[in-house]
Amino acid sequence: SIKHTLAPGYVAPVTIDDFRDAIQRRLDTKARERHYDGIQTGITYRDDPNPQYAAEGAALFAWRSAVWTYVFAEFAKVTAGERAAPTIEDFVAELPTMNWPE
């Protein structure tokens, strides 16, 4: 078998999947603040009979939409040359924020 080795200090290019994974981790991490398994589970509570769960699920649902709407709008700007490609860390930091309902 042929072994491939990379030069010391080689850094793999960043891909769209790397951005997507980082954004998804941000969404899931926020949902876990309130002990949901992740964003997907959290949003299933938006019509829950428990008013607190319903409010949290609705907030997560709206936030997820705001995040991905922002992401695709900004990616389009990068593609069009209207903004420089950000680092993953910088891009995640500029995503819309969510405050938990009381």
PDB file of N, CA and C in Angstrom:
ATOM      1  N   SER A   1       0.841  -1.183   0.000  1.00  0.00           N
ATOM      2  CA  SER A   1       0.000   0.000   0.000  1.00  0.00           C
ATOM      3  C   SER A   1       0.884   1.244   0.000  1.00  0.00           C
ATOM      4  N   ILE A   2       0.362   2.291  -0.558  1.00  0.00           N
ATOM      5  CA  ILE A   2       1.095   3.548  -0.644  1.00  0.00           C
ATOM      6  C   ILE A   2       0.687   4.424   0.531  1.00  0.00           C
ATOM      7  N   LYS A   3       1.683   4.950   1.219  1.00  0.00           N
ATOM      8  CA  LYS A   3       1.401   5.873   2.319  1.00  0.00           C
ATOM      9  C   LYS A   3       1.571   7.297   1.825  1.00  0.00           C
ATOM     10  N   HIS A   4       0.629   8.123   2.186  1.00  0.00           N
ATOM     11  CA  HIS A   4       0.708   9.534   1.833  1.00  0.00           C
ATOM     12  C   HIS A   4       1.058  10.294   3.099  1.00  0.00           C
ATOM     13  N   THR A   5       2.051  11.114   3.024  1.00  0.00           N
ATOM     14  CA  THR A   5       2.390  11.956   4.162  1.00  0.00           C
ATOM     15  C   THR A   5       2.277  13.410   3.736  1.00  0.00           C
ATOM     16  N   LEU A   6       1.914  14.225   4.677  1.00  0.00           N
ATOM     17  CA  LEU A   6       1.781  15.652   4.417  1.00  0.00           C
ATOM     18  C   LEU A   6       3.005  16.360   4.979  1.00  0.00           C
ATOM     19  N   ALA A   7       3.359  17.420   4.337  1.00  0.00           N
ATOM     20  CA  ALA A   7       4.500  18.207   4.800  1.00  0.00           C
ATOM     21  C   ALA A   7       4.203  18.750   6.192  1.00  0.00           C
ATOM     22  N   PRO A   8       5.217  18.849   7.039  1.00  0.00           N
ATOM     23  CA  PRO A   8       5.001  19.438   8.369  1.00  0.00           C
ATOM     24  C   PRO A   8       4.411  20.838   8.232  1.00  0.00           C
ATOM     25  N   GLY A   9       3.435  21.116   9.058  1.00  0.00           N
ATOM     26  CA  GLY A   9       2.788  22.424   9.017  1.00  0.00           C
ATOM     27  C   GLY A   9       1.695  22.555   7.977  1.00  0.00           C
ATOM     28  N   TYR A  10       1.438  21.496   7.208  1.00  0.00           N
ATOM     29  CA  TYR A  10       0.388  21.552   6.187  1.00  0.00           C
ATOM     30  C   TYR A  10      -0.961  21.785   6.859  1.00  0.00           C
ATOM     31  N   VAL A  11      -1.712  22.697   6.319  1.00  0.00           N
ATOM     32  CA  VAL A  11      -3.058  22.970   6.806  1.00  0.00           C
ATOM     33  C   VAL A  11      -4.015  22.730   5.648  1.00  0.00           C
ATOM     34  N   ALA A  12      -4.970  21.840   5.866  1.00  0.00           N
ATOM     35  CA  ALA A  12      -5.946  21.529   4.813  1.00  0.00           C
ATOM     36  C   ALA A  12      -6.797  22.767   4.516  1.00  0.00           C
ATOM     37  N   PRO A  13      -7.179  22.949   3.264  1.00  0.00           N
ATOM     38  CA  PRO A  13      -8.035  24.096   2.934  1.00  0.00           C
ATOM     39  C   PRO A  13      -9.386  23.980   3.636  1.00  0.00           C
ATOM     40  N   VAL A  14      -9.937  25.115   3.968  1.00  0.00           N
ATOM     41  CA  VAL A  14     -11.245  25.173   4.612  1.00  0.00           C
ATOM     42  C   VAL A  14     -12.310  24.974   3.543  1.00  0.00           C
ATOM     43  N   THR A  15     -13.318  24.189   3.878  1.00  0.00           N
ATOM     44  CA  THR A  15     -14.395  23.909   2.927  1.00  0.00           C
ATOM     45  C   THR A  15     -15.730  24.442   3.449  1.00  0.00           C
ATOM     46  N   ILE A  16     -16.693  24.477   2.572  1.00  0.00           N
ATOM     47  CA  ILE A  16     -18.057  24.847   2.971  1.00  0.00           C
ATOM     48  C   ILE A  16     -18.553  23.898   4.062  1.00  0.00           C
ATOM     49  N   ASP A  17     -18.206  22.617   3.954  1.00  0.00           N
ATOM     50  CA  ASP A  17     -18.610  21.656   4.985  1.00  0.00           C
ATOM     51  C   ASP A  17     -18.026  22.018   6.340  1.00  0.00           C
ATOM     52  N   ASP A  18     -16.812  22.550   6.372  1.00  0.00           N
ATOM     53  CA  ASP A  18     -16.220  22.979   7.637  1.00  0.00           C
ATOM     54  C   ASP A  18     -17.051  24.104   8.258  1.00  0.00           C
ATOM     55  N   PHE A  19     -17.485  25.053   7.423  1.00  0.00           N
ATOM     56  CA  PHE A  19     -18.346  26.127   7.917  1.00  0.00           C
ATOM     57  C   PHE A  19     -19.669  25.558   8.413  1.00  0.00           C
ATOM     58  N   ARG A  20     -20.284  24.712   7.602  1.00  0.00           N
ATOM     59  CA  ARG A  20     -21.581  24.128   7.971  1.00  0.00           C
ATOM     60  C   ARG A  20     -21.491  23.394   9.299  1.00  0.00           C
ATOM     61  N   ASP A  21     -20.445  22.596   9.466  1.00  0.00           N
ATOM     62  CA  ASP A  21     -20.284  21.840  10.706  1.00  0.00           C
ATOM     63  C   ASP A  21     -20.124  22.766  11.906  1.00  0.00           C
ATOM     64  N   ALA A  22     -19.357  23.834  11.765  1.00  0.00           N
ATOM     65  CA  ALA A  22     -19.157  24.784  12.860  1.00  0.00           C
ATOM     66  C   ALA A  22     -20.460  25.506  13.206  1.00  0.00           C
ATOM     67  N   ILE A  23     -21.225  25.867  12.193  1.00  0.00           N
ATOM     68  CA  ILE A  23     -22.505  26.539  12.417  1.00  0.00           C
ATOM     69  C   ILE A  23     -23.475  25.589  13.109  1.00  0.00           C
ATOM     70  N   GLN A  24     -23.520  24.348  12.645  1.00  0.00           N
ATOM     71  CA  GLN A  24     -24.406  23.364  13.270  1.00  0.00           C
ATOM     72  C   GLN A  24     -24.012  23.123  14.728  1.00  0.00           C
ATOM     73  N   ARG A  25     -22.716  23.079  15.003  1.00  0.00           N
ATOM     74  CA  ARG A  25     -22.264  22.918  16.399  1.00  0.00           C
ATOM     75  C   ARG A  25     -22.735  24.092  17.247  1.00  0.00           C
ATOM     76  N   ARG A  26     -22.691  25.297  16.688  1.00  0.00           N
ATOM     77  CA  ARG A  26     -23.160  26.478  17.430  1.00  0.00           C
ATOM     78  C   ARG A  26     -24.639  26.351  17.752  1.00  0.00           C
ATOM     79  N   LEU A  27     -25.436  25.932  16.787  1.00  0.00           N
ATOM     80  CA  LEU A  27     -26.868  25.748  17.012  1.00  0.00           C
ATOM     81  C   LEU A  27     -27.130  24.693  18.082  1.00  0.00           C
ATOM     82  N   ASP A  28     -26.455  23.570  17.966  1.00  0.00           N
ATOM     83  CA  ASP A  28     -26.650  22.484  18.931  1.00  0.00           C
ATOM     84  C   ASP A  28     -26.178  22.872  20.324  1.00  0.00           C
ATOM     85  N   THR A  29     -25.074  23.583  20.406  1.00  0.00           N
ATOM     86  CA  THR A  29     -24.539  24.004  21.703  1.00  0.00           C
ATOM     87  C   THR A  29     -25.525  24.915  22.419  1.00  0.00           C
ATOM     88  N   LYS A  30     -26.131  25.827  21.680  1.00  0.00           N
ATOM     89  CA  LYS A  30     -27.124  26.723  22.285  1.00  0.00           C
ATOM     90  C   LYS A  30     -28.296  25.920  22.825  1.00  0.00           C
ATOM     91  N   ALA A  31     -28.800  24.977  22.057  1.00  0.00           N
ATOM     92  CA  ALA A  31     -29.934  24.157  22.507  1.00  0.00           C
ATOM     93  C   ALA A  31     -29.565  23.353  23.746  1.00  0.00           C
ATOM     94  N   ARG A  32     -28.348  22.902  23.824  1.00  0.00           N
ATOM     95  CA  ARG A  32     -27.914  22.103  24.984  1.00  0.00           C
ATOM     96  C   ARG A  32     -27.828  22.929  26.262  1.00  0.00           C
ATOM     97  N   GLU A  33     -27.798  24.258  26.133  1.00  0.00           N
ATOM     98  CA  GLU A  33     -27.819  25.098  27.330  1.00  0.00           C
ATOM     99  C   GLU A  33     -29.066  24.835  28.168  1.00  0.00           C
ATOM    100  N   ARG A  34     -30.139  24.419  27.516  1.00  0.00           N
ATOM    101  CA  ARG A  34     -31.393  24.110  28.210  1.00  0.00           C
ATOM    102  C   ARG A  34     -31.684  22.607  28.195  1.00  0.00           C
ATOM    103  N   HIS A  35     -30.650  21.836  28.027  1.00  0.00           N
ATOM    104  CA  HIS A  35     -30.698  20.373  28.138  1.00  0.00           C
ATOM    105  C   HIS A  35     -31.449  19.652  27.029  1.00  0.00           C
ATOM    106  N   TYR A  36     -31.597  20.303  25.871  1.00  0.00           N
ATOM    107  CA  TYR A  36     -32.101  19.598  24.695  1.00  0.00           C
ATOM    108  C   TYR A  36     -30.925  18.841  24.087  1.00  0.00           C
ATOM    109  N   ASP A  37     -31.199  17.739  23.396  1.00  0.00           N
ATOM    110  CA  ASP A  37     -30.125  16.973  22.757  1.00  0.00           C
ATOM    111  C   ASP A  37     -29.401  17.805  21.708  1.00  0.00           C
ATOM    112  N   GLY A  38     -30.100  18.703  21.080  1.00  0.00           N
ATOM    113  CA  GLY A  38     -29.552  19.556  20.033  1.00  0.00           C
ATOM    114  C   GLY A  38     -30.673  20.423  19.488  1.00  0.00           C
ATOM    115  N   ILE A  39     -30.359  21.206  18.478  1.00  0.00           N
ATOM    116  CA  ILE A  39     -31.344  22.129  17.909  1.00  0.00           C
ATOM    117  C   ILE A  39     -32.548  21.379  17.338  1.00  0.00           C
ATOM    118  N   GLN A  40     -32.302  20.243  16.686  1.00  0.00           N
ATOM    119  CA  GLN A  40     -33.415  19.497  16.081  1.00  0.00           C
ATOM    120  C   GLN A  40     -34.432  19.069  17.136  1.00  0.00           C
ATOM    121  N   THR A  41     -33.939  18.568  18.258  1.00  0.00           N
ATOM    122  CA  THR A  41     -34.837  18.161  19.337  1.00  0.00           C
ATOM    123  C   THR A  41     -35.533  19.365  19.942  1.00  0.00           C
ATOM    124  N   GLY A  42     -34.773  20.427  20.177  1.00  0.00           N
ATOM    125  CA  GLY A  42     -35.343  21.617  20.805  1.00  0.00           C
ATOM    126  C   GLY A  42     -36.516  22.190  20.046  1.00  0.00           C
ATOM    127  N   ILE A  43     -36.404  22.257  18.728  1.00  0.00           N
ATOM    128  CA  ILE A  43     -37.489  22.877  17.963  1.00  0.00           C
ATOM    129  C   ILE A  43     -38.756  22.029  17.937  1.00  0.00           C
ATOM    130  N   THR A  44     -38.653  20.744  18.257  1.00  0.00           N
ATOM    131  CA  THR A  44     -39.862  19.917  18.286  1.00  0.00           C
ATOM    132  C   THR A  44     -40.777  20.289  19.444  1.00  0.00           C
ATOM    133  N   TYR A  45     -40.287  21.092  20.369  1.00  0.00           N
ATOM    134  CA  TYR A  45     -41.082  21.493  21.527  1.00  0.00           C
ATOM    135  C   TYR A  45     -41.896  22.761  21.295  1.00  0.00           C
ATOM    136  N   ARG A  46     -41.865  23.345  20.106  1.00  0.00           N
ATOM    137  CA  ARG A  46     -42.505  24.648  19.934  1.00  0.00           C
ATOM    138  C   ARG A  46     -44.015  24.637  20.109  1.00  0.00           C
ATOM    139  N   ASP A  47     -44.672  23.517  19.999  1.00  0.00           N
ATOM    140  CA  ASP A  47     -46.119  23.450  20.265  1.00  0.00           C
ATOM    141  C   ASP A  47     -46.412  22.601  21.491  1.00  0.00           C
ATOM    142  N   ASP A  48     -45.432  22.474  22.370  1.00  0.00           N
ATOM    143  CA  ASP A  48     -45.586  21.640  23.563  1.00  0.00           C
ATOM    144  C   ASP A  48     -46.630  22.235  24.510  1.00  0.00           C
ATOM    145  N   PRO A  49     -47.378  21.387  25.225  1.00  0.00           N
ATOM    146  CA  PRO A  49     -48.344  21.893  26.200  1.00  0.00           C
ATOM    147  C   PRO A  49     -47.677  22.663  27.354  1.00  0.00           C
ATOM    148  N   ASN A  50     -46.421  22.371  27.641  1.00  0.00           N
ATOM    149  CA  ASN A  50     -45.702  23.105  28.675  1.00  0.00           C
ATOM    150  C   ASN A  50     -45.285  24.453  28.069  1.00  0.00           C
ATOM    151  N   PRO A  51     -45.792  25.573  28.607  1.00  0.00           N
ATOM    152  CA  PRO A  51     -45.526  26.872  27.991  1.00  0.00           C
ATOM    153  C   PRO A  51     -44.033  27.230  27.918  1.00  0.00           C
ATOM    154  N   GLN A  52     -43.255  26.819  28.892  1.00  0.00           N
ATOM    155  CA  GLN A  52     -41.821  27.128  28.864  1.00  0.00           C
ATOM    156  C   GLN A  52     -41.134  26.384  27.721  1.00  0.00           C
ATOM    157  N   TYR A  53     -41.442  25.088  27.590  1.00  0.00           N
ATOM    158  CA  TYR A  53     -40.854  24.311  26.490  1.00  0.00           C
ATOM    159  C   TYR A  53     -41.286  24.858  25.137  1.00  0.00           C
ATOM    160  N   ALA A  54     -42.584  25.226  25.054  1.00  0.00           N
ATOM    161  CA  ALA A  54     -43.100  25.760  23.788  1.00  0.00           C
ATOM    162  C   ALA A  54     -42.386  27.063  23.416  1.00  0.00           C
ATOM    163  N   ALA A  55     -42.175  27.920  24.391  1.00  0.00           N
ATOM    164  CA  ALA A  55     -41.492  29.198  24.127  1.00  0.00           C
ATOM    165  C   ALA A  55     -40.042  28.956  23.720  1.00  0.00           C
ATOM    166  N   GLU A  56     -39.372  28.029  24.387  1.00  0.00           N
ATOM    167  CA  GLU A  56     -37.987  27.725  24.040  1.00  0.00           C
ATOM    168  C   GLU A  56     -37.893  27.110  22.653  1.00  0.00           C
ATOM    169  N   GLY A  57     -38.798  26.191  22.342  1.00  0.00           N
ATOM    170  CA  GLY A  57     -38.812  25.571  21.016  1.00  0.00           C
ATOM    171  C   GLY A  57     -39.067  26.586  19.920  1.00  0.00           C
ATOM    172  N   ALA A  58     -39.987  27.516  20.173  1.00  0.00           N
ATOM    173  CA  ALA A  58     -40.283  28.557  19.182  1.00  0.00           C
ATOM    174  C   ALA A  58     -39.079  29.484  18.999  1.00  0.00           C
ATOM    175  N   ALA A  59     -38.416  29.811  20.097  1.00  0.00           N
ATOM    176  CA  ALA A  59     -37.234  30.678  20.013  1.00  0.00           C
ATOM    177  C   ALA A  59     -36.121  29.995  19.229  1.00  0.00           C
ATOM    178  N   LEU A  60     -35.898  28.711  19.482  1.00  0.00           N
ATOM    179  CA  LEU A  60     -34.873  27.968  18.743  1.00  0.00           C
ATOM    180  C   LEU A  60     -35.225  27.884  17.263  1.00  0.00           C
ATOM    181  N   PHE A  61     -36.493  27.659  16.969  1.00  0.00           N
ATOM    182  CA  PHE A  61     -36.949  27.558  15.585  1.00  0.00           C
ATOM    183  C   PHE A  61     -36.689  28.863  14.835  1.00  0.00           C
ATOM    184  N   ALA A  62     -37.082  29.976  15.435  1.00  0.00           N
ATOM    185  CA  ALA A  62     -36.886  31.283  14.792  1.00  0.00           C
ATOM    186  C   ALA A  62     -35.400  31.600  14.657  1.00  0.00           C
ATOM    187  N   TRP A  63     -34.620  31.279  15.674  1.00  0.00           N
ATOM    188  CA  TRP A  63     -33.186  31.551  15.636  1.00  0.00           C
ATOM    189  C   TRP A  63     -32.491  30.738  14.560  1.00  0.00           C
ATOM    190  N   ARG A  64     -32.846  29.448  14.461  1.00  0.00           N
ATOM    191  CA  ARG A  64     -32.247  28.608  13.427  1.00  0.00           C
ATOM    192  C   ARG A  64     -32.506  29.197  12.046  1.00  0.00           C
ATOM    193  N   SER A  65     -33.719  29.660  11.814  1.00  0.00           N
ATOM    194  CA  SER A  65     -34.053  30.274  10.538  1.00  0.00           C
ATOM    195  C   SER A  65     -33.226  31.544  10.308  1.00  0.00           C
ATOM    196  N   ALA A  66     -33.101  32.370  11.327  1.00  0.00           N
ATOM    197  CA  ALA A  66     -32.316  33.607  11.203  1.00  0.00           C
ATOM    198  C   ALA A  66     -30.851  33.295  10.903  1.00  0.00           C
ATOM    199  N   VAL A  67     -30.318  32.280  11.564  1.00  0.00           N
ATOM    200  CA  VAL A  67     -28.915  31.917  11.347  1.00  0.00           C
ATOM    201  C   VAL A  67     -28.694  31.475   9.908  1.00  0.00           C
ATOM    202  N   TRP A  68     -29.482  30.516   9.428  1.00  0.00           N
ATOM    203  CA  TRP A  68     -29.236  30.001   8.082  1.00  0.00           C
ATOM    204  C   TRP A  68     -29.562  31.038   7.008  1.00  0.00           C
ATOM    205  N   THR A  69     -30.538  31.901   7.247  1.00  0.00           N
ATOM    206  CA  THR A  69     -30.818  32.992   6.303  1.00  0.00           C
ATOM    207  C   THR A  69     -29.594  33.898   6.202  1.00  0.00           C
ATOM    208  N   TYR A  70     -29.009  34.230   7.336  1.00  0.00           N
ATOM    209  CA  TYR A  70     -27.808  35.066   7.372  1.00  0.00           C
ATOM    210  C   TYR A  70     -26.645  34.368   6.668  1.00  0.00           C
ATOM    211  N   VAL A  71     -26.448  33.089   6.984  1.00  0.00           N
ATOM    212  CA  VAL A  71     -25.330  32.330   6.412  1.00  0.00           C
ATOM    213  C   VAL A  71     -25.377  32.362   4.885  1.00  0.00           C
ATOM    214  N   PHE A  72     -26.509  32.034   4.304  1.00  0.00           N
ATOM    215  CA  PHE A  72     -26.580  31.961   2.853  1.00  0.00           C
ATOM    216  C   PHE A  72     -26.472  33.333   2.207  1.00  0.00           C
ATOM    217  N   ALA A  73     -26.981  34.371   2.866  1.00  0.00           N
ATOM    218  CA  ALA A  73     -26.833  35.722   2.339  1.00  0.00           C
ATOM    219  C   ALA A  73     -25.363  36.143   2.340  1.00  0.00           C
ATOM    220  N   GLU A  74     -24.653  35.809   3.405  1.00  0.00           N
ATOM    221  CA  GLU A  74     -23.237  36.179   3.491  1.00  0.00           C
ATOM    222  C   GLU A  74     -22.381  35.336   2.551  1.00  0.00           C
ATOM    223  N   PHE A  75     -22.694  34.057   2.414  1.00  0.00           N
ATOM    224  CA  PHE A  75     -21.967  33.224   1.451  1.00  0.00           C
ATOM    225  C   PHE A  75     -22.145  33.773   0.037  1.00  0.00           C
ATOM    226  N   ALA A  76     -23.342  34.258  -0.285  1.00  0.00           N
ATOM    227  CA  ALA A  76     -23.588  34.841  -1.609  1.00  0.00           C
ATOM    228  C   ALA A  76     -22.721  36.086  -1.808  1.00  0.00           C
ATOM    229  N   LYS A  77     -22.537  36.872  -0.751  1.00  0.00           N
ATOM    230  CA  LYS A  77     -21.670  38.059  -0.844  1.00  0.00           C
ATOM    231  C   LYS A  77     -20.223  37.659  -1.116  1.00  0.00           C
ATOM    232  N   VAL A  78     -19.773  36.590  -0.464  1.00  0.00           N
ATOM    233  CA  VAL A  78     -18.402  36.116  -0.698  1.00  0.00           C
ATOM    234  C   VAL A  78     -18.260  35.664  -2.143  1.00  0.00           C
ATOM    235  N   THR A  79     -19.215  34.883  -2.613  1.00  0.00           N
ATOM    236  CA  THR A  79     -19.181  34.378  -3.988  1.00  0.00           C
ATOM    237  C   THR A  79     -19.193  35.521  -5.001  1.00  0.00           C
ATOM    238  N   ALA A  80     -19.940  36.579  -4.691  1.00  0.00           N
ATOM    239  CA  ALA A  80     -20.038  37.726  -5.598  1.00  0.00           C
ATOM    240  C   ALA A  80     -18.862  38.687  -5.463  1.00  0.00           C
ATOM    241  N   GLY A  81     -17.963  38.415  -4.524  1.00  0.00           N
ATOM    242  CA  GLY A  81     -16.819  39.299  -4.312  1.00  0.00           C
ATOM    243  C   GLY A  81     -17.156  40.559  -3.543  1.00  0.00           C
ATOM    244  N   GLU A  82     -18.309  40.560  -2.870  1.00  0.00           N
ATOM    245  CA  GLU A  82     -18.739  41.732  -2.103  1.00  0.00           C
ATOM    246  C   GLU A  82     -18.148  41.760  -0.697  1.00  0.00           C
ATOM    247  N   ARG A  83     -17.594  40.649  -0.261  1.00  0.00           N
ATOM    248  CA  ARG A  83     -16.913  40.597   1.033  1.00  0.00           C
ATOM    249  C   ARG A  83     -15.848  39.526   0.964  1.00  0.00           C
ATOM    250  N   ALA A  84     -14.835  39.689   1.772  1.00  0.00           N
ATOM    251  CA  ALA A  84     -13.768  38.693   1.833  1.00  0.00           C
ATOM    252  C   ALA A  84     -14.270  37.462   2.574  1.00  0.00           C
ATOM    253  N   ALA A  85     -13.721  36.330   2.239  1.00  0.00           N
ATOM    254  CA  ALA A  85     -14.088  35.098   2.940  1.00  0.00           C
ATOM    255  C   ALA A  85     -13.582  35.188   4.376  1.00  0.00           C
ATOM    256  N   PRO A  86     -14.474  35.036   5.349  1.00  0.00           N
ATOM    257  CA  PRO A  86     -14.056  35.114   6.749  1.00  0.00           C
ATOM    258  C   PRO A  86     -13.460  33.790   7.211  1.00  0.00           C
ATOM    259  N   THR A  87     -12.815  33.823   8.353  1.00  0.00           N
ATOM    260  CA  THR A  87     -12.413  32.568   8.982  1.00  0.00           C
ATOM    261  C   THR A  87     -13.668  31.950   9.586  1.00  0.00           C
ATOM    262  N   ILE A  88     -13.606  30.675   9.854  1.00  0.00           N
ATOM    263  CA  ILE A  88     -14.754  30.010  10.480  1.00  0.00           C
ATOM    264  C   ILE A  88     -15.066  30.652  11.822  1.00  0.00           C
ATOM    265  N   GLU A  89     -14.030  30.892  12.625  1.00  0.00           N
ATOM    266  CA  GLU A  89     -14.230  31.459  13.955  1.00  0.00           C
ATOM    267  C   GLU A  89     -14.885  32.834  13.877  1.00  0.00           C
ATOM    268  N   ASP A  90     -14.394  33.676  12.964  1.00  0.00           N
ATOM    269  CA  ASP A  90     -14.977  35.007  12.821  1.00  0.00           C
ATOM    270  C   ASP A  90     -16.419  34.923  12.335  1.00  0.00           C
ATOM    271  N   PHE A  91     -16.680  34.009  11.412  1.00  0.00           N
ATOM    272  CA  PHE A  91     -18.026  33.899  10.861  1.00  0.00           C
ATOM    273  C   PHE A  91     -19.014  33.417  11.924  1.00  0.00           C
ATOM    274  N   VAL A  92     -18.634  32.423  12.693  1.00  0.00           N
ATOM    275  CA  VAL A  92     -19.519  31.930  13.759  1.00  0.00           C
ATOM    276  C   VAL A  92     -19.792  33.048  14.771  1.00  0.00           C
ATOM    277  N   ALA A  93     -18.786  33.869  15.047  1.00  0.00           N
ATOM    278  CA  ALA A  93     -18.952  34.966  16.005  1.00  0.00           C
ATOM    279  C   ALA A  93     -19.933  36.029  15.514  1.00  0.00           C
ATOM    280  N   GLU A  94     -20.103  36.151  14.204  1.00  0.00           N
ATOM    281  CA  GLU A  94     -21.001  37.185  13.680  1.00  0.00           C
ATOM    282  C   GLU A  94     -22.425  36.678  13.428  1.00  0.00           C
ATOM    283  N   LEU A  95     -22.681  35.423  13.707  1.00  0.00           N
ATOM    284  CA  LEU A  95     -24.033  34.881  13.507  1.00  0.00           C
ATOM    285  C   LEU A  95     -25.034  35.573  14.425  1.00  0.00           C
ATOM    286  N   PRO A  96     -26.297  35.620  14.005  1.00  0.00           N
ATOM    287  CA  PRO A  96     -27.327  36.173  14.897  1.00  0.00           C
ATOM    288  C   PRO A  96     -27.317  35.440  16.243  1.00  0.00           C
ATOM    289  N   THR A  97     -27.635  36.179  17.279  1.00  0.00           N
ATOM    290  CA  THR A  97     -27.673  35.588  18.613  1.00  0.00           C
ATOM    291  C   THR A  97     -29.116  35.275  19.004  1.00  0.00           C
ATOM    292  N   MET A  98     -29.251  34.486  20.035  1.00  0.00           N
ATOM    293  CA  MET A  98     -30.572  34.156  20.553  1.00  0.00           C
ATOM    294  C   MET A  98     -30.558  34.322  22.058  1.00  0.00           C
ATOM    295  N   ASN A  99     -31.603  34.956  22.566  1.00  0.00           N
ATOM    296  CA  ASN A  99     -31.792  35.042  24.006  1.00  0.00           C
ATOM    297  C   ASN A  99     -32.943  34.125  24.385  1.00  0.00           C
ATOM    298  N   TRP A 100     -32.733  33.371  25.427  1.00  0.00           N
ATOM    299  CA  TRP A 100     -33.776  32.450  25.881  1.00  0.00           C
ATOM    300  C   TRP A 100     -34.983  33.219  26.421  1.00  0.00           C
ATOM    301  N   PRO A 101     -36.188  32.735  26.114  1.00  0.00           N
ATOM    302  CA  PRO A 101     -37.384  33.371  26.701  1.00  0.00           C
ATOM    303  C   PRO A 101     -37.433  33.112  28.198  1.00  0.00           C
ATOM    304  N   GLU A 102     -38.030  34.029  28.899  1.00  0.00           N
ATOM    305  CA  GLU A 102     -38.148  33.877  30.377  1.00  0.00           C
ATOM    306  C   GLU A 102     -39.331  33.012  30.732  1.00  0.00           C
TER     307      GLU A 102
END
